[in-house]
Each structure stands twice: as C-alpha cells, then as structure tokens.
C-alpha atoms as a PDB file:
ATOM      1  CA  MET A   1      22.561 -23.026 -30.880  1.00  0.00           C
ATOM      2  CA  VAL A   2      22.455 -21.742 -27.299  1.00  0.00           C
ATOM      3  CA  GLY A   3      23.957 -18.314 -28.021  1.00  0.00           C
ATOM      4  CA  ARG A   4      21.201 -17.956 -31.454  1.00  0.00           C
ATOM      5  CA  ALA A   5      18.270 -18.810 -28.894  1.00  0.00           C
ATOM      6  CA  VAL A   6      19.664 -16.343 -26.247  1.00  0.00           C
ATOM      7  CA  ARG A   7      19.701 -13.607 -28.396  1.00  0.00           C
ATOM      8  CA  LEU A   8      16.192 -13.724 -29.067  1.00  0.00           C
ATOM      9  CA  ASN A   9      15.236 -12.679 -26.083  1.00  0.00           C
ATOM     10  CA  ASP A  10      17.090  -9.392 -26.377  1.00  0.00           C
ATOM     11  CA  ASP A  11      14.157  -7.274 -27.905  1.00  0.00           C
ATOM     12  CA  VAL A  12      11.747  -8.913 -24.634  1.00  0.00           C
ATOM     13  CA  PRO A  13       9.304 -10.531 -26.527  1.00  0.00           C
ATOM     14  CA  VAL A  14       6.578 -12.250 -25.029  1.00  0.00           C
ATOM     15  CA  LEU A  15       7.451 -15.366 -26.638  1.00  0.00           C
ATOM     16  CA  ALA A  16      11.260 -16.604 -28.547  1.00  0.00           C
ATOM     17  CA  ALA A  17      11.582 -19.491 -30.131  1.00  0.00           C
ATOM     18  CA  ALA A  18      14.231 -20.751 -32.762  1.00  0.00           C
ATOM     19  CA  TYR A  19      14.280 -23.884 -35.190  1.00  0.00           C
ATOM     20  CA  TYR A  20      16.380 -26.305 -36.260  1.00  0.00           C
ATOM     21  CA  THR A  21      16.845 -29.135 -38.380  1.00  0.00           C
ATOM     22  CA  GLU A  22      17.790 -32.651 -36.780  1.00  0.00           C
ATOM     23  CA  THR A  23      21.573 -32.443 -38.008  1.00  0.00           C
ATOM     24  CA  GLY A  24      21.206 -28.390 -36.106  1.00  0.00           C
ATOM     25  CA  GLU A  25      20.714 -25.912 -38.823  1.00  0.00           C
ATOM     26  CA  ALA A  26      19.188 -22.938 -37.750  1.00  0.00           C
ATOM     27  CA  LEU A  27      15.905 -22.469 -39.598  1.00  0.00           C
ATOM     28  CA  ALA A  28      13.747 -19.642 -38.593  1.00  0.00           C
ATOM     29  CA  ARG A  29      13.242 -17.427 -35.621  1.00  0.00           C
ATOM     30  CA  LEU A  30       9.555 -16.609 -34.059  1.00  0.00           C
ATOM     31  CA  MET A  31       8.992 -14.239 -31.754  1.00  0.00           C
ATOM     32  CA  VAL A  32       5.333 -13.019 -30.422  1.00  0.00           C
ATOM     33  CA  ASP A  33       4.723  -9.879 -29.026  1.00  0.00           C
ATOM     34  CA  GLY A  34       2.174  -7.161 -27.468  1.00  0.00           C
ATOM     35  CA  CYS A  35       2.406  -3.675 -28.350  1.00  0.00           C
ATOM     36  CA  ARG A  36       0.486  -0.749 -26.830  1.00  0.00           C
ATOM     37  CA  ASP A  37       1.200   2.636 -25.712  1.00  0.00           C
ATOM     38  CA  GLU A  38      -1.292   3.557 -21.938  1.00  0.00           C
ATOM     39  CA  GLY A  39      -3.976   5.170 -22.949  1.00  0.00           C
ATOM     40  CA  VAL A  40      -3.729   5.059 -26.817  1.00  0.00           C
ATOM     41  CA  PRO A  41      -7.134   3.560 -28.185  1.00  0.00           C
ATOM     42  CA  ARG A  42      -5.736   0.095 -30.473  1.00  0.00           C
ATOM     43  CA  PRO A  43      -4.947   0.931 -33.838  1.00  0.00           C
ATOM     44  CA  SER A  44      -6.561  -0.041 -36.952  1.00  0.00           C
ATOM     45  CA  ALA A  45      -5.174  -2.861 -39.341  1.00  0.00           C
ATOM     46  CA  GLU A  46      -4.281   0.233 -42.033  1.00  0.00           C
ATOM     47  CA  GLU A  47      -2.584   2.015 -39.040  1.00  0.00           C
ATOM     48  CA  VAL A  48      -0.337  -1.065 -38.091  1.00  0.00           C
ATOM     49  CA  THR A  49       0.665  -2.496 -41.885  1.00  0.00           C
ATOM     50  CA  PRO A  50       3.000   0.320 -42.403  1.00  0.00           C
ATOM     51  CA  LEU A  51       4.433  -0.520 -38.995  1.00  0.00           C
ATOM     52  CA  LEU A  52       5.233  -4.440 -40.230  1.00  0.00           C
ATOM     53  CA  LEU A  53       7.670  -3.346 -43.007  1.00  0.00           C
ATOM     54  CA  GLU A  54       9.710  -1.237 -40.451  1.00  0.00           C
ATOM     55  CA  TRP A  55      12.719  -3.140 -39.214  1.00  0.00           C
ATOM     56  CA  GLY A  56      15.884  -1.357 -37.049  1.00  0.00           C
ATOM     57  CA  ASN A  57      18.839  -3.530 -38.267  1.00  0.00           C
ATOM     58  CA  ALA A  58      17.174  -4.233 -42.311  1.00  0.00           C
ATOM     59  CA  ARG A  59      15.246  -3.097 -45.192  1.00  0.00           C
ATOM     60  CA  VAL A  60      12.144  -4.287 -47.409  1.00  0.00           C
ATOM     61  CA  THR A  61      13.315  -5.546 -50.775  1.00  0.00           C
ATOM     62  CA  GLY A  62      11.118  -6.134 -53.490  1.00  0.00           C
ATOM     63  CA  GLU A  63       6.972  -5.700 -53.273  1.00  0.00           C
ATOM     64  CA  PRO A  64       5.805  -7.260 -50.054  1.00  0.00           C
ATOM     65  CA  GLN A  65       3.043  -9.424 -50.120  1.00  0.00           C
ATOM     66  CA  ILE A  66       0.350  -7.844 -47.673  1.00  0.00           C
ATOM     67  CA  THR A  67      -2.768  -9.904 -46.933  1.00  0.00           C
ATOM     68  CA  ARG A  68      -5.881  -9.839 -44.875  1.00  0.00           C
ATOM     69  CA  LEU A  69      -6.952 -12.698 -42.726  1.00  0.00           C
ATOM     70  CA  ASP A  70      -9.820 -13.944 -40.763  1.00  0.00           C
ATOM     71  CA  LEU A  71      -7.748 -16.264 -37.786  1.00  0.00           C
ATOM     72  CA  VAL A  72      -9.201 -18.310 -34.944  1.00  0.00           C
ATOM     73  CA  ALA A  73      -7.706 -15.368 -32.339  1.00  0.00           C
ATOM     74  CA  GLY A  74      -8.966 -12.719 -34.651  1.00  0.00           C
ATOM     75  CA  PRO A  75      -8.600 -10.561 -37.385  1.00  0.00           C
ATOM     76  CA  ALA A  76      -5.096  -9.915 -38.806  1.00  0.00           C
ATOM     77  CA  VAL A  77      -2.754  -8.706 -41.521  1.00  0.00           C
ATOM     78  CA  ARG A  78       0.236 -10.579 -42.834  1.00  0.00           C
ATOM     79  CA  VAL A  79       3.200  -9.210 -44.601  1.00  0.00           C
ATOM     80  CA  GLN A  80       5.617 -11.412 -46.155  1.00  0.00           C
ATOM     81  CA  SER A  81       8.684 -10.134 -47.949  1.00  0.00           C
ATOM     82  CA  MET A  82      12.371 -10.383 -48.054  1.00  0.00           C
ATOM     83  CA  LEU A  83      14.942  -8.136 -45.862  1.00  0.00           C
ATOM     84  CA  GLU A  84      18.348  -7.218 -46.946  1.00  0.00           C
ATOM     85  CA  VAL A  85      20.043  -7.402 -43.583  1.00  0.00           C
ATOM     86  CA  ARG A  86      22.742  -5.164 -42.135  1.00  0.00           C
ATOM     87  CA  ARG A  87      25.405  -7.760 -40.636  1.00  0.00           C
ATOM     88  CA  ARG A  88      27.239  -7.735 -37.569  1.00  0.00           C
ATOM     89  CA  LEU A  89      29.838  -4.452 -37.600  1.00  0.00           C
ATOM     90  CA  GLY A  90      28.138  -3.292 -40.847  1.00  0.00           C
ATOM     91  CA  PHE A  91      30.226  -5.044 -42.733  1.00  0.00           C
ATOM     92  CA  GLY A  92      27.706  -5.843 -46.485  1.00  0.00           C
ATOM     93  CA  ARG A  93      24.266  -7.401 -46.161  1.00  0.00           C
ATOM     94  CA  LYS A  94      22.796 -10.491 -45.954  1.00  0.00           C
ATOM     95  CA  LEU A  95      19.186 -12.185 -47.523  1.00  0.00           C
ATOM     96  CA  ALA A  96      16.741 -13.081 -45.324  1.00  0.00           C
ATOM     97  CA  GLU A  97      13.017 -13.121 -45.287  1.00  0.00           C
ATOM     98  CA  PHE A  98       9.955 -12.858 -43.147  1.00  0.00           C
ATOM     99  CA  ILE A  99       6.419 -12.496 -42.401  1.00  0.00           C
ATOM    100  CA  ARG A 100       4.527 -10.746 -39.701  1.00  0.00           C
ATOM    101  CA  HIS A 101       1.522 -10.949 -38.663  1.00  0.00           C
ATOM    102  CA  ALA A 102      -0.469  -8.449 -36.456  1.00  0.00           C
ATOM    103  CA  VAL A 103      -3.790 -10.290 -35.022  1.00  0.00           C
ATOM    104  CA  PHE A 104      -6.412  -8.121 -33.483  1.00  0.00           C
ATOM    105  CA  PRO A 105      -7.597 -10.234 -31.008  1.00  0.00           C
ATOM    106  CA  PRO A 106     -11.575  -9.330 -29.896  1.00  0.00           C
ATOM    107  CA  ARG A 107     -11.800  -7.620 -26.517  1.00  0.00           C
ATOM    108  CA  MET A 108      -7.939  -7.027 -26.526  1.00  0.00           C
ATOM    109  CA  GLU A 109      -6.934  -3.429 -27.044  1.00  0.00           C
ATOM    110  CA  THR A 110      -3.010  -4.774 -27.738  1.00  0.00           C
ATOM    111  CA  PRO A 111      -2.777  -6.052 -31.000  1.00  0.00           C
ATOM    112  CA  VAL A 112      -0.327  -9.305 -31.125  1.00  0.00           C
ATOM    113  CA  VAL A 113       2.193  -9.219 -33.349  1.00  0.00           C
ATOM    114  CA  VAL A 114       3.892 -12.915 -34.698  1.00  0.00           C
ATOM    115  CA  THR A 115       7.269 -12.701 -36.910  1.00  0.00           C
ATOM    116  CA  VAL A 116       9.670 -15.422 -38.230  1.00  0.00           C
ATOM    117  CA  THR A 117      12.215 -14.671 -39.885  1.00  0.00           C
ATOM    118  CA  TRP A 118      14.830 -16.932 -42.184  1.00  0.00           C
ATOM    119  CA  GLU A 119      18.045 -16.610 -44.322  1.00  0.00           C
ATOM    120  CA  ARG A 120      17.490 -20.238 -45.611  1.00  0.00           C
ATOM    121  CA  ILE A 121      16.186 -18.894 -49.148  1.00  0.00           C
ATOM    122  CA  ALA A 122      15.549 -22.341 -50.671  1.00  0.00           C
ATOM    123  CA  ARG A 123      13.113 -23.669 -47.866  1.00  0.00           C
ATOM    124  CA  THR A 124      11.183 -20.677 -47.545  1.00  0.00           C
ATOM    125  CA  GLU A 125       8.150 -22.487 -48.525  1.00  0.00           C
ATOM    126  CA  GLU A 126       9.085 -25.281 -45.965  1.00  0.00           C
ATOM    127  CA  ILE A 127       8.958 -22.442 -43.183  1.00  0.00           C
ATOM    128  CA  THR A 128       5.981 -20.514 -44.697  1.00  0.00           C
ATOM    129  CA  GLU A 129       3.989 -23.725 -44.545  1.00  0.00           C
ATOM    130  CA  LEU A 130       4.969 -24.470 -41.194  1.00  0.00           C
ATOM    131  CA  ALA A 131       4.548 -20.546 -39.954  1.00  0.00           C
ATOM    132  CA  ASP A 132       0.788 -20.060 -41.710  1.00  0.00           C
ATOM    133  CA  GLU A 133       0.132 -22.836 -39.848  1.00  0.00           C
ATOM    134  CA  ALA A 134       1.501 -22.126 -36.581  1.00  0.00           C
ATOM    135  CA  ILE A 135      -0.646 -19.119 -36.982  1.00  0.00           C
ATOM    136  CA  ARG A 136      -3.822 -20.574 -37.851  1.00  0.00           C
ATOM    137  CA  SER A 137      -3.466 -22.741 -34.527  1.00  0.00           C
ATOM    138  CA  MET A 138      -2.999 -19.937 -32.289  1.00  0.00           C
ATOM    139  CA  ARG A 139      -5.119 -19.314 -29.923  1.00  0.00           C
ATOM    140  CA  ILE A 140      -5.233 -16.038 -27.321  1.00  0.00           C
ATOM    141  CA  THR A 141      -6.911 -16.275 -23.920  1.00  0.00           C
ATOM    142  CA  PRO A 142      -6.696 -12.935 -21.807  1.00  0.00           C
ATOM    143  CA  LEU A 143      -6.698 -12.980 -17.876  1.00  0.00           C
ATOM    144  CA  PRO A 144      -9.998 -12.318 -16.694  1.00  0.00           C
ATOM    145  CA  ALA A 145     -10.542  -8.014 -15.350  1.00  0.00           C
ATOM    146  CA  GLY A 146      -8.852  -8.143 -12.079  1.00  0.00           C
ATOM    147  CA  LEU A 147      -6.487 -10.870 -12.558  1.00  0.00           C
ATOM    148  CA  THR A 148      -2.738 -10.681 -13.111  1.00  0.00           C
ATOM    149  CA  ALA A 149      -0.186 -13.523 -14.382  1.00  0.00           C
ATOM    150  CA  PRO A 150       2.020 -14.756 -11.995  1.00  0.00           C
ATOM    151  CA  ALA A 151       5.720 -12.640 -11.539  1.00  0.00           C
ATOM    152  CA  GLU A 152       8.322 -13.908 -13.660  1.00  0.00           C
ATOM    153  CA  GLY A 153       9.959 -16.957 -12.816  1.00  0.00           C
ATOM    154  CA  GLY A 154       6.790 -17.577  -9.844  1.00  0.00           C
ATOM    155  CA  GLY A 155       4.968 -20.583  -9.872  1.00  0.00           C
ATOM    156  CA  GLU A 156       1.749 -21.080  -8.610  1.00  0.00           C
END
C-alpha cells in the first residue's frame, strides 16, 4: 500500500491520495494539480478540454462524457471515460476509468485539475459518486497578494 501511495507523487502533484477498502484493496487514486505557463493567460475551458483527454501511458477508449459544471470553487469541465493503460514493461494493456475536472477558480490565473483513476470497473458507480461529492465540496482559498506559502517541510 505504501508503495502505491508513494508512486502517486511521481508527477509532483499539489495533492495525492490513494483510497483503499477496509481490507486493503486499492480503489482509486486522486491527484490535484495546477498548471500554468508563466506569462501566458489562463486557458479557456474550450482550450483545456482536449488536454483533459491526453495521457502519457494510456489512451482514451469509447466516447468520453464531457460536461460543464458550476461548482463552489468555480466553473469546471468534467470528463469521464475508459482508458487502455500500458502495463509495466509494455506487456499488454489493462482497462481503467477516470474522471478529470478542470476547475477555473475566480481571481486565480491557474486552473486546478483534479483527476481520479481506478481499475475496479465493477465499482465505477460508487467511485464516481465519491469523486463527484469530493469535487462539489472543494473550496479554494488563494493567498492574499504578497503572501507566499510556507517552504516545504516548514512550519508556521
């Protein structure tokens, strides 16, 4: 379990979490990240939507479900689809599913991208409900101008 959780940090997200059943079965991975190129205006939902379907180690299969949402954290685009993921060492593929949200918080230049992935397709309905509930409850509080976040590992 610890190894799976540590590997979530490989892409250096802002937040990574792994969800398990009481018996230790891996259910889903959640990652939150922000993406912005310095000096480039915040992209629109239309510009971000195709990027939500891009994966380095997988390809989207079937027709993705794409919806627009008005969340407390700001307007968002939600994408859900199946993935064919390359197995380690390149031997075959496995099916997985994902939900990815791009949230556009007011007064922030950086869209926030929340990704939930899972392989237990039989539990899709349950995981989808949990992921949607998490995104609906998300709140984003930008730091006031001139204030910076504490250094990594630093306290108050």
